[in-house]
Amino acid sequence: MSFEESSDLVDRARQGDGDAWEALYRRVYPRLLAYATRRLDSDAAREAVSETMARAVANIQRYRPISDSGGFDGWLFGICRHVVLDAQRAAGRRGYAVPQESVSHVDLAEGLVSEEEAAAVRRAFALLSQDDRELLELRVIAGLSAEETAAAVGRRPGTVRMAQSRALSRLRRHLQTVEGVSA
């Protein structure tokens, strides 16, 4: 979807157009759910995405499209990030659990590597810091641009790109220490 199409949908959503909200929701839902599922159990993740959209609807008038702000998706992921953190605090935990084997939508190299290699990548990913995991989840799993990720986490796009490069280097080093995969 082009920026103009997205901008038109956001403008229509501000006017209370239910069809525009539905289109925005359908477009971003799979990525929001993938992000939330990496941090919460599946029921809590679905609730977090619902809460994200409820907050977006309630606060759409606060959204301001700025040229390099990351756009509407970055704004939504910023909301989702806060909802997930709130849910983790309420549950008394914060962090990351190695995804279940059955969660296929988070397997980055599905069909390209063996099950052992994919498991090693998941184990190496679990060794990353919370910030590194979150950044890579937003950039790779959610598919956000550097600008959208920057908007979601409150950083500048250049900082996000540099942090991503460093996080990937650390992931490669962790892969070297995890048996079964050489980087």
C-alpha atoms as a PDB file:
ATOM      1  CA  MET A   1       0.000   0.000   0.000  1.00  0.00           C
ATOM      2  CA  SER A   2       1.403   3.342  -0.993  1.00  0.00           C
ATOM      3  CA  PHE A   3       1.872   6.230   1.422  1.00  0.00           C
ATOM      4  CA  GLU A   4      -0.944   8.115  -0.308  1.00  0.00           C
ATOM      5  CA  GLU A   5      -3.359   5.183   0.068  1.00  0.00           C
ATOM      6  CA  SER A   6      -2.411   4.768   3.723  1.00  0.00           C
ATOM      7  CA  SER A   7      -2.726   8.503   4.325  1.00  0.00           C
ATOM      8  CA  ASP A   8      -6.165   8.499   2.707  1.00  0.00           C
ATOM      9  CA  LEU A   9      -7.272   5.607   4.935  1.00  0.00           C
ATOM     10  CA  VAL A  10      -6.015   7.413   8.045  1.00  0.00           C
ATOM     11  CA  ASP A  11      -7.839  10.585   7.007  1.00  0.00           C
ATOM     12  CA  ARG A  12     -11.035   8.598   6.466  1.00  0.00           C
ATOM     13  CA  ALA A  13     -10.559   6.798   9.806  1.00  0.00           C
ATOM     14  CA  ARG A  14     -10.294  10.180  11.539  1.00  0.00           C
ATOM     15  CA  GLN A  15     -13.690  11.014  10.078  1.00  0.00           C
ATOM     16  CA  GLY A  16     -15.099   7.830  11.658  1.00  0.00           C
ATOM     17  CA  ASP A  17     -15.160   5.700   8.495  1.00  0.00           C
ATOM     18  CA  GLY A  18     -15.500   2.094   9.684  1.00  0.00           C
ATOM     19  CA  ASP A  19     -14.383   0.686   6.334  1.00  0.00           C
ATOM     20  CA  ALA A  20     -11.137   2.652   6.565  1.00  0.00           C
ATOM     21  CA  TRP A  21     -10.504   1.322  10.078  1.00  0.00           C
ATOM     22  CA  GLU A  22     -11.180  -2.208   8.868  1.00  0.00           C
ATOM     23  CA  ALA A  23      -8.709  -1.818   5.991  1.00  0.00           C
ATOM     24  CA  LEU A  24      -6.045  -0.415   8.323  1.00  0.00           C
ATOM     25  CA  TYR A  25      -6.694  -3.209  10.824  1.00  0.00           C
ATOM     26  CA  ARG A  26      -6.530  -6.002   8.231  1.00  0.00           C
ATOM     27  CA  ARG A  27      -3.312  -4.588   6.803  1.00  0.00           C
ATOM     28  CA  VAL A  28      -1.400  -4.414  10.080  1.00  0.00           C
ATOM     29  CA  TYR A  29      -3.036  -7.153  12.207  1.00  0.00           C
ATOM     30  CA  PRO A  30      -0.764 -10.076  11.221  1.00  0.00           C
ATOM     31  CA  ARG A  31       2.378  -8.079  11.991  1.00  0.00           C
ATOM     32  CA  LEU A  32       1.044  -6.709  15.279  1.00  0.00           C
ATOM     33  CA  LEU A  33       0.014 -10.223  16.324  1.00  0.00           C
ATOM     34  CA  ALA A  34       3.404 -11.686  15.373  1.00  0.00           C
ATOM     35  CA  TYR A  35       5.144  -9.034  17.474  1.00  0.00           C
ATOM     36  CA  ALA A  36       2.840  -9.483  20.493  1.00  0.00           C
ATOM     37  CA  THR A  37       3.004 -13.288  20.283  1.00  0.00           C
ATOM     38  CA  ARG A  38       6.777 -13.168  20.696  1.00  0.00           C
ATOM     39  CA  ARG A  39       6.283 -11.573  24.128  1.00  0.00           C
ATOM     40  CA  LEU A  40       2.935 -12.890  25.396  1.00  0.00           C
ATOM     41  CA  ASP A  41       0.958 -16.114  25.228  1.00  0.00           C
ATOM     42  CA  SER A  42      -1.393 -16.322  22.259  1.00  0.00           C
ATOM     43  CA  ASP A  43      -4.551 -15.247  24.130  1.00  0.00           C
ATOM     44  CA  ALA A  44      -2.806 -12.285  25.751  1.00  0.00           C
ATOM     45  CA  ALA A  45      -1.243 -11.362  22.393  1.00  0.00           C
ATOM     46  CA  ARG A  46      -4.657 -11.235  20.708  1.00  0.00           C
ATOM     47  CA  GLU A  47      -5.973  -9.124  23.593  1.00  0.00           C
ATOM     48  CA  ALA A  48      -2.959  -6.807  23.271  1.00  0.00           C
ATOM     49  CA  VAL A  49      -3.632  -6.270  19.570  1.00  0.00           C
ATOM     50  CA  SER A  50      -7.303  -5.575  20.303  1.00  0.00           C
ATOM     51  CA  GLU A  51      -6.309  -3.088  23.011  1.00  0.00           C
ATOM     52  CA  THR A  52      -3.834  -1.496  20.589  1.00  0.00           C
ATOM     53  CA  MET A  53      -6.551  -0.895  18.041  1.00  0.00           C
ATOM     54  CA  ALA A  54      -8.979   0.376  20.705  1.00  0.00           C
ATOM     55  CA  ARG A  55      -6.373   2.906  21.844  1.00  0.00           C
ATOM     56  CA  ALA A  56      -5.664   3.870  18.237  1.00  0.00           C
ATOM     57  CA  VAL A  57      -9.342   4.510  17.579  1.00  0.00           C
ATOM     58  CA  ALA A  58      -9.643   6.535  20.781  1.00  0.00           C
ATOM     59  CA  ASN A  59      -6.529   8.591  20.032  1.00  0.00           C
ATOM     60  CA  ILE A  60      -6.535   8.924  16.230  1.00  0.00           C
ATOM     61  CA  GLN A  61      -6.820  12.693  16.526  1.00  0.00           C
ATOM     62  CA  ARG A  62      -3.392  12.730  18.232  1.00  0.00           C
ATOM     63  CA  TYR A  63      -1.674  11.009  15.305  1.00  0.00           C
ATOM     64  CA  ARG A  64       0.375  13.468  13.264  1.00  0.00           C
ATOM     65  CA  PRO A  65       1.950  12.306  10.027  1.00  0.00           C
ATOM     66  CA  ILE A  66       5.441  13.767   9.912  1.00  0.00           C
ATOM     67  CA  SER A  67       7.683  13.084   6.949  1.00  0.00           C
ATOM     68  CA  ASP A  68      10.190  10.804   8.690  1.00  0.00           C
ATOM     69  CA  SER A  69       8.105   9.793  11.712  1.00  0.00           C
ATOM     70  CA  GLY A  70       7.498   6.221  10.597  1.00  0.00           C
ATOM     71  CA  GLY A  71       3.921   6.818   9.591  1.00  0.00           C
ATOM     72  CA  PHE A  72       0.795   5.206  10.880  1.00  0.00           C
ATOM     73  CA  ASP A  73       2.280   1.716  11.223  1.00  0.00           C
ATOM     74  CA  GLY A  74       5.104   3.036  13.393  1.00  0.00           C
ATOM     75  CA  TRP A  75       2.535   4.853  15.519  1.00  0.00           C
ATOM     76  CA  LEU A  76       0.477   1.650  15.914  1.00  0.00           C
ATOM     77  CA  PHE A  77       3.529  -0.417  16.837  1.00  0.00           C
ATOM     78  CA  GLY A  78       4.459   2.189  19.423  1.00  0.00           C
ATOM     79  CA  ILE A  79       1.024   1.759  20.980  1.00  0.00           C
ATOM     80  CA  CYS A  80       1.309  -2.026  20.769  1.00  0.00           C
ATOM     81  CA  ARG A  81       4.729  -1.949  22.402  1.00  0.00           C
ATOM     82  CA  HIS A  82       3.288  -0.068  25.391  1.00  0.00           C
ATOM     83  CA  VAL A  83       0.278  -2.399  25.618  1.00  0.00           C
ATOM     84  CA  VAL A  84       2.585  -5.440  25.600  1.00  0.00           C
ATOM     85  CA  LEU A  85       4.819  -3.920  28.287  1.00  0.00           C
ATOM     86  CA  ASP A  86       1.721  -3.176  30.403  1.00  0.00           C
ATOM     87  CA  ALA A  87       0.537  -6.778  29.991  1.00  0.00           C
ATOM     88  CA  GLN A  88       3.967  -8.119  30.929  1.00  0.00           C
ATOM     89  CA  ARG A  89       4.067  -5.938  34.045  1.00  0.00           C
ATOM     90  CA  ALA A  90       0.565  -7.056  35.012  1.00  0.00           C
ATOM     91  CA  ALA A  91       1.645 -10.683  34.590  1.00  0.00           C
ATOM     92  CA  GLY A  92       4.742 -10.047  36.694  1.00  0.00           C
ATOM     93  CA  ARG A  93       7.240 -10.728  33.962  1.00  0.00           C
ATOM     94  CA  ARG A  94       8.992  -8.954  31.165  1.00  0.00           C
ATOM     95  CA  GLY A  95      10.925 -10.496  28.408  1.00  0.00           C
ATOM     96  CA  TYR A  96      11.057 -13.126  25.838  1.00  0.00           C
ATOM     97  CA  ALA A  97      10.493 -16.832  25.647  1.00  0.00           C
ATOM     98  CA  VAL A  98      11.873 -19.019  22.882  1.00  0.00           C
ATOM     99  CA  PRO A  99       8.926 -19.364  20.501  1.00  0.00           C
ATOM    100  CA  GLN A 100       7.109 -22.667  20.403  1.00  0.00           C
ATOM    101  CA  GLU A 101       8.014 -24.947  17.551  1.00  0.00           C
ATOM    102  CA  SER A 102       4.419 -24.768  16.342  1.00  0.00           C
ATOM    103  CA  VAL A 103       4.514 -20.996  15.814  1.00  0.00           C
ATOM    104  CA  SER A 104       5.411 -21.067  12.142  1.00  0.00           C
ATOM    105  CA  HIS A 105       4.813 -17.378  11.375  1.00  0.00           C
ATOM    106  CA  VAL A 106       7.870 -16.422  13.396  1.00  0.00           C
ATOM    107  CA  ASP A 107      10.270 -18.846  11.740  1.00  0.00           C
ATOM    108  CA  LEU A 108      12.413 -16.443   9.752  1.00  0.00           C
ATOM    109  CA  ALA A 109      13.988 -19.066   7.531  1.00  0.00           C
ATOM    110  CA  GLU A 110      11.060 -21.453   7.243  1.00  0.00           C
ATOM    111  CA  GLY A 111      11.692 -23.982   4.523  1.00  0.00           C
ATOM    112  CA  LEU A 112      15.244 -22.765   3.909  1.00  0.00           C
ATOM    113  CA  VAL A 113      17.072 -24.446   6.777  1.00  0.00           C
ATOM    114  CA  SER A 114      16.764 -27.686   8.674  1.00  0.00           C
ATOM    115  CA  GLU A 115      14.762 -27.934  11.884  1.00  0.00           C
ATOM    116  CA  GLU A 116      18.025 -28.176  13.850  1.00  0.00           C
ATOM    117  CA  GLU A 117      19.339 -24.982  12.292  1.00  0.00           C
ATOM    118  CA  ALA A 118      16.064 -23.152  12.917  1.00  0.00           C
ATOM    119  CA  ALA A 119      16.124 -24.308  16.562  1.00  0.00           C
ATOM    120  CA  ALA A 120      19.705 -23.070  16.882  1.00  0.00           C
ATOM    121  CA  VAL A 121      18.682 -19.664  15.501  1.00  0.00           C
ATOM    122  CA  ARG A 122      15.845 -19.489  18.035  1.00  0.00           C
ATOM    123  CA  ARG A 123      18.259 -20.391  20.869  1.00  0.00           C
ATOM    124  CA  ALA A 124      20.788 -17.795  19.689  1.00  0.00           C
ATOM    125  CA  PHE A 125      18.022 -15.205  19.404  1.00  0.00           C
ATOM    126  CA  ALA A 126      17.027 -15.920  23.023  1.00  0.00           C
ATOM    127  CA  LEU A 127      20.598 -15.027  24.074  1.00  0.00           C
ATOM    128  CA  LEU A 128      20.254 -11.474  22.739  1.00  0.00           C
ATOM    129  CA  SER A 129      19.398  -8.605  25.042  1.00  0.00           C
ATOM    130  CA  GLN A 130      15.774  -7.519  25.355  1.00  0.00           C
ATOM    131  CA  ASP A 131      16.503  -4.413  23.252  1.00  0.00           C
ATOM    132  CA  ASP A 132      18.233  -6.389  20.481  1.00  0.00           C
ATOM    133  CA  ARG A 133      15.388  -8.924  20.304  1.00  0.00           C
ATOM    134  CA  GLU A 134      12.748  -6.225  20.195  1.00  0.00           C
ATOM    135  CA  LEU A 135      14.562  -4.281  17.493  1.00  0.00           C
ATOM    136  CA  LEU A 136      15.016  -7.355  15.280  1.00  0.00           C
ATOM    137  CA  GLU A 137      11.421  -8.429  15.874  1.00  0.00           C
ATOM    138  CA  LEU A 138      10.152  -5.046  14.740  1.00  0.00           C
ATOM    139  CA  ARG A 139      12.468  -4.811  11.735  1.00  0.00           C
ATOM    140  CA  VAL A 140      12.447  -8.443  10.542  1.00  0.00           C
ATOM    141  CA  ILE A 141       9.321 -10.150  11.863  1.00  0.00           C
ATOM    142  CA  ALA A 142       6.960  -7.175  11.798  1.00  0.00           C
ATOM    143  CA  GLY A 143       8.623  -5.860   8.635  1.00  0.00           C
ATOM    144  CA  LEU A 144       8.804  -2.255   9.783  1.00  0.00           C
ATOM    145  CA  SER A 145      11.112   0.214   8.098  1.00  0.00           C
ATOM    146  CA  ALA A 146      13.840   1.934  10.111  1.00  0.00           C
ATOM    147  CA  GLU A 147      11.599   5.004  10.282  1.00  0.00           C
ATOM    148  CA  GLU A 148       8.577   3.029  11.522  1.00  0.00           C
ATOM    149  CA  THR A 149      10.710   1.187  14.075  1.00  0.00           C
ATOM    150  CA  ALA A 150      12.189   4.481  15.244  1.00  0.00           C
ATOM    151  CA  ALA A 151       8.689   5.843  15.810  1.00  0.00           C
ATOM    152  CA  ALA A 152       7.692   2.713  17.736  1.00  0.00           C
ATOM    153  CA  VAL A 153      10.686   2.727  20.089  1.00  0.00           C
ATOM    154  CA  GLY A 154      11.320   6.455  20.339  1.00  0.00           C
ATOM    155  CA  ARG A 155      14.668   6.575  18.540  1.00  0.00           C
ATOM    156  CA  ARG A 156      16.001   8.131  15.360  1.00  0.00           C
ATOM    157  CA  PRO A 157      16.055   6.073  12.139  1.00  0.00           C
ATOM    158  CA  GLY A 158      19.868   6.234  11.880  1.00  0.00           C
ATOM    159  CA  THR A 159      20.175   4.973  15.442  1.00  0.00           C
ATOM    160  CA  VAL A 160      17.819   2.100  14.605  1.00  0.00           C
ATOM    161  CA  ARG A 161      19.901   1.124  11.559  1.00  0.00           C
ATOM    162  CA  MET A 162      23.127   1.148  13.580  1.00  0.00           C
ATOM    163  CA  ALA A 163      21.528  -0.803  16.450  1.00  0.00           C
ATOM    164  CA  GLN A 164      20.171  -3.345  13.960  1.00  0.00           C
ATOM    165  CA  SER A 165      23.607  -3.862  12.463  1.00  0.00           C
ATOM    166  CA  ARG A 166      25.096  -4.406  15.914  1.00  0.00           C
ATOM    167  CA  ALA A 167      22.254  -6.733  16.956  1.00  0.00           C
ATOM    168  CA  LEU A 168      22.779  -8.851  13.847  1.00  0.00           C
ATOM    169  CA  SER A 169      26.512  -9.049  14.588  1.00  0.00           C
ATOM    170  CA  ARG A 170      25.749 -10.238  18.111  1.00  0.00           C
ATOM    171  CA  LEU A 171      23.257 -12.771  16.742  1.00  0.00           C
ATOM    172  CA  ARG A 172      25.938 -14.138  14.389  1.00  0.00           C
ATOM    173  CA  ARG A 173      28.363 -14.478  17.324  1.00  0.00           C
ATOM    174  CA  HIS A 174      25.719 -16.289  19.382  1.00  0.00           C
ATOM    175  CA  LEU A 175      25.058 -18.620  16.454  1.00  0.00           C
ATOM    176  CA  GLN A 176      28.712 -19.589  16.471  1.00  0.00           C
ATOM    177  CA  THR A 177      28.416 -20.668  20.099  1.00  0.00           C
ATOM    178  CA  VAL A 178      25.174 -22.595  19.633  1.00  0.00           C
ATOM    179  CA  GLU A 179      25.851 -26.129  18.441  1.00  0.00           C
ATOM    180  CA  GLY A 180      24.680 -27.111  15.023  1.00  0.00           C
ATOM    181  CA  VAL A 181      25.069 -23.792  13.207  1.00  0.00           C
ATOM    182  CA  SER A 182      28.162 -21.981  12.031  1.00  0.00           C
ATOM    183  CA  ALA A 183      27.872 -18.375  10.999  1.00  0.00           C
END
